[in-house]
Amino acid sequence: MKIKLGNLASDIFITIYIVVTLYARFYYEPALNGNFLISIFLGLFALLFIWALIKIKFLNPNWFGLHNNKKK
């Protein structure tokens, strides 16, 4: 049995995850002393993590109704 989140729960999880990672990147950016490559790497890793969760079908985003999966 695979654990899956529903469409709305996935959308909310992804939104909160992106906001938190952006906040963390902006908060810790001054500590990196202008080394923006580390910040870019962290951002790409965060996106890779979300992509992997979608790929293994743990997250099932509906993009808040913009992506309609139902066939007519």
N, C-alpha and C. Protein backbone atom coordinates (compact mmCIF):
# COMPACT_ATOMS: atom_id res chain seq x y z
N MET A 1 0.83 -1.17 0.00
CA MET A 1 0.00 0.00 0.00
C MET A 1 0.89 1.25 0.00
N LYS A 2 0.69 2.07 -0.99
CA LYS A 2 1.45 3.30 -1.08
C LYS A 2 0.73 4.42 -0.35
N ILE A 3 1.51 5.25 0.30
CA ILE A 3 0.94 6.42 0.96
C ILE A 3 0.89 7.55 -0.05
N LYS A 4 -0.29 8.17 -0.20
CA LYS A 4 -0.47 9.25 -1.15
C LYS A 4 -1.23 10.39 -0.47
N LEU A 5 -0.91 11.59 -0.88
CA LEU A 5 -1.68 12.74 -0.43
C LEU A 5 -2.70 13.07 -1.50
N GLY A 6 -3.83 13.60 -1.09
CA GLY A 6 -4.85 14.02 -2.04
C GLY A 6 -4.43 15.26 -2.80
N ASN A 7 -5.26 15.66 -3.74
CA ASN A 7 -4.94 16.81 -4.58
C ASN A 7 -4.78 18.10 -3.78
N LEU A 8 -5.76 18.41 -2.95
CA LEU A 8 -5.71 19.65 -2.18
C LEU A 8 -4.58 19.62 -1.16
N ALA A 9 -4.39 18.49 -0.50
CA ALA A 9 -3.31 18.37 0.49
C ALA A 9 -1.95 18.51 -0.20
N SER A 10 -1.81 17.95 -1.40
CA SER A 10 -0.55 18.09 -2.14
C SER A 10 -0.29 19.54 -2.52
N ASP A 11 -1.34 20.24 -2.97
CA ASP A 11 -1.19 21.65 -3.34
C ASP A 11 -0.77 22.49 -2.14
N ILE A 12 -1.39 22.24 -1.00
CA ILE A 12 -1.06 22.99 0.21
C ILE A 12 0.36 22.66 0.67
N PHE A 13 0.74 21.38 0.64
CA PHE A 13 2.09 20.97 1.03
C PHE A 13 3.14 21.64 0.15
N ILE A 14 2.94 21.63 -1.16
CA ILE A 14 3.90 22.23 -2.08
C ILE A 14 4.00 23.73 -1.86
N THR A 15 2.87 24.39 -1.66
CA THR A 15 2.88 25.84 -1.44
C THR A 15 3.64 26.19 -0.17
N ILE A 16 3.34 25.50 0.92
CA ILE A 16 4.03 25.77 2.18
C ILE A 16 5.51 25.45 2.07
N TYR A 17 5.85 24.35 1.40
CA TYR A 17 7.25 23.96 1.22
C TYR A 17 8.03 25.03 0.45
N ILE A 18 7.44 25.54 -0.63
CA ILE A 18 8.12 26.56 -1.44
C ILE A 18 8.28 27.85 -0.66
N VAL A 19 7.26 28.26 0.07
CA VAL A 19 7.34 29.50 0.86
C VAL A 19 8.41 29.36 1.94
N VAL A 20 8.44 28.23 2.62
CA VAL A 20 9.42 28.03 3.70
C VAL A 20 10.85 27.98 3.13
N THR A 21 11.05 27.29 2.02
CA THR A 21 12.39 27.23 1.46
C THR A 21 12.84 28.58 0.93
N LEU A 22 11.93 29.36 0.34
CA LEU A 22 12.30 30.70 -0.11
C LEU A 22 12.66 31.60 1.08
N TYR A 23 11.87 31.50 2.15
CA TYR A 23 12.16 32.28 3.35
C TYR A 23 13.53 31.90 3.91
N ALA A 24 13.80 30.60 3.97
CA ALA A 24 15.09 30.14 4.51
C ALA A 24 16.25 30.62 3.64
N ARG A 25 16.05 30.58 2.33
CA ARG A 25 17.13 31.04 1.43
C ARG A 25 17.38 32.53 1.61
N PHE A 26 16.34 33.34 1.72
CA PHE A 26 16.52 34.78 1.90
C PHE A 26 17.06 35.10 3.29
N TYR A 27 16.68 34.31 4.28
CA TYR A 27 17.14 34.53 5.65
C TYR A 27 18.63 34.22 5.79
N TYR A 28 19.09 33.12 5.17
CA TYR A 28 20.48 32.70 5.30
C TYR A 28 21.39 33.26 4.22
N GLU A 29 20.86 34.00 3.27
CA GLU A 29 21.67 34.57 2.20
C GLU A 29 22.78 35.48 2.72
N PRO A 30 22.53 36.38 3.69
CA PRO A 30 23.62 37.22 4.20
C PRO A 30 24.75 36.41 4.85
N ALA A 31 24.43 35.27 5.41
CA ALA A 31 25.45 34.45 6.06
C ALA A 31 26.39 33.80 5.04
N LEU A 32 25.97 33.75 3.78
CA LEU A 32 26.80 33.13 2.75
C LEU A 32 27.83 34.09 2.17
N ASN A 33 27.81 35.34 2.61
CA ASN A 33 28.77 36.36 2.21
C ASN A 33 28.84 36.54 0.69
N GLY A 34 27.68 36.61 0.06
CA GLY A 34 27.63 36.88 -1.37
C GLY A 34 27.88 35.68 -2.26
N ASN A 35 28.00 34.51 -1.71
CA ASN A 35 28.20 33.31 -2.52
C ASN A 35 26.83 32.78 -2.95
N PHE A 36 26.34 33.32 -4.07
CA PHE A 36 24.99 33.02 -4.51
C PHE A 36 24.87 31.63 -5.12
N LEU A 37 25.97 31.00 -5.48
CA LEU A 37 25.89 29.66 -6.07
C LEU A 37 25.37 28.63 -5.07
N ILE A 38 25.71 28.81 -3.82
CA ILE A 38 25.20 27.90 -2.79
C ILE A 38 23.69 28.07 -2.67
N SER A 39 23.21 29.30 -2.72
CA SER A 39 21.77 29.55 -2.64
C SER A 39 21.05 28.95 -3.85
N ILE A 40 21.63 29.09 -5.03
CA ILE A 40 21.02 28.51 -6.23
C ILE A 40 21.00 26.99 -6.12
N PHE A 41 22.08 26.39 -5.63
CA PHE A 41 22.12 24.95 -5.45
C PHE A 41 21.06 24.48 -4.47
N LEU A 42 20.87 25.19 -3.37
CA LEU A 42 19.85 24.82 -2.39
C LEU A 42 18.45 24.91 -3.00
N GLY A 43 18.22 25.94 -3.81
CA GLY A 43 16.93 26.09 -4.47
C GLY A 43 16.67 24.97 -5.47
N LEU A 44 17.69 24.60 -6.24
CA LEU A 44 17.53 23.50 -7.19
C LEU A 44 17.32 22.17 -6.47
N PHE A 45 18.00 21.98 -5.34
CA PHE A 45 17.80 20.76 -4.57
C PHE A 45 16.38 20.70 -4.02
N ALA A 46 15.85 21.83 -3.59
CA ALA A 46 14.48 21.87 -3.07
C ALA A 46 13.48 21.50 -4.18
N LEU A 47 13.70 22.03 -5.38
CA LEU A 47 12.82 21.68 -6.50
C LEU A 47 12.97 20.21 -6.89
N LEU A 48 14.19 19.70 -6.82
CA LEU A 48 14.42 18.29 -7.12
C LEU A 48 13.70 17.39 -6.13
N PHE A 49 13.67 17.79 -4.87
CA PHE A 49 12.97 17.03 -3.84
C PHE A 49 11.47 16.97 -4.12
N ILE A 50 10.88 18.11 -4.47
CA ILE A 50 9.44 18.15 -4.81
C ILE A 50 9.17 17.31 -6.05
N TRP A 51 10.04 17.43 -7.06
CA TRP A 51 9.87 16.66 -8.29
C TRP A 51 9.90 15.16 -7.99
N ALA A 52 10.81 14.74 -7.12
CA ALA A 52 10.92 13.31 -6.78
C ALA A 52 9.66 12.83 -6.06
N LEU A 53 9.11 13.65 -5.17
CA LEU A 53 7.88 13.26 -4.48
C LEU A 53 6.70 13.15 -5.44
N ILE A 54 6.67 14.00 -6.47
CA ILE A 54 5.61 13.91 -7.47
C ILE A 54 5.84 12.69 -8.36
N LYS A 55 7.09 12.42 -8.70
CA LYS A 55 7.43 11.30 -9.59
C LYS A 55 7.07 9.96 -8.96
N ILE A 56 7.28 9.80 -7.65
CA ILE A 56 6.92 8.54 -7.00
C ILE A 56 5.45 8.52 -6.59
N LYS A 57 4.73 9.55 -6.98
CA LYS A 57 3.28 9.68 -6.77
C LYS A 57 2.88 9.77 -5.29
N PHE A 58 3.78 10.30 -4.46
CA PHE A 58 3.40 10.62 -3.09
C PHE A 58 2.57 11.90 -3.09
N LEU A 59 2.98 12.86 -3.92
CA LEU A 59 2.21 14.09 -4.09
C LEU A 59 1.44 14.00 -5.40
N ASN A 60 0.21 14.44 -5.37
CA ASN A 60 -0.65 14.44 -6.55
C ASN A 60 -1.21 15.84 -6.75
N PRO A 61 -0.39 16.76 -7.21
CA PRO A 61 -0.87 18.14 -7.30
C PRO A 61 -1.91 18.31 -8.40
N ASN A 62 -2.85 19.17 -8.11
CA ASN A 62 -3.88 19.54 -9.08
C ASN A 62 -3.68 21.00 -9.49
N TRP A 63 -2.64 21.63 -8.96
CA TRP A 63 -2.28 23.02 -9.23
C TRP A 63 -3.48 23.93 -8.99
N PHE A 64 -4.18 23.67 -7.88
CA PHE A 64 -5.32 24.45 -7.43
C PHE A 64 -6.41 24.54 -8.50
N GLY A 65 -6.63 23.44 -9.20
CA GLY A 65 -7.69 23.36 -10.19
C GLY A 65 -7.27 23.78 -11.59
N LEU A 66 -6.04 24.23 -11.77
CA LEU A 66 -5.60 24.66 -13.09
C LEU A 66 -5.24 23.48 -13.99
N HIS A 67 -4.88 22.37 -13.40
CA HIS A 67 -4.50 21.18 -14.16
C HIS A 67 -5.63 20.18 -14.00
N ASN A 68 -6.44 20.04 -15.02
CA ASN A 68 -7.61 19.18 -14.95
C ASN A 68 -7.24 17.79 -15.46
N ASN A 69 -7.25 16.79 -14.57
CA ASN A 69 -6.88 15.43 -14.94
C ASN A 69 -8.04 14.63 -15.50
N LYS A 70 -9.24 15.07 -15.30
CA LYS A 70 -10.41 14.30 -15.73
C LYS A 70 -10.63 14.45 -17.22
N LYS A 71 -10.90 13.31 -17.86
CA LYS A 71 -11.17 13.33 -19.29
C LYS A 71 -12.67 13.54 -19.51
N LYS A 72 -12.98 14.24 -20.56
CA LYS A 72 -14.40 14.53 -20.86
C LYS A 72 -14.96 13.46 -21.77
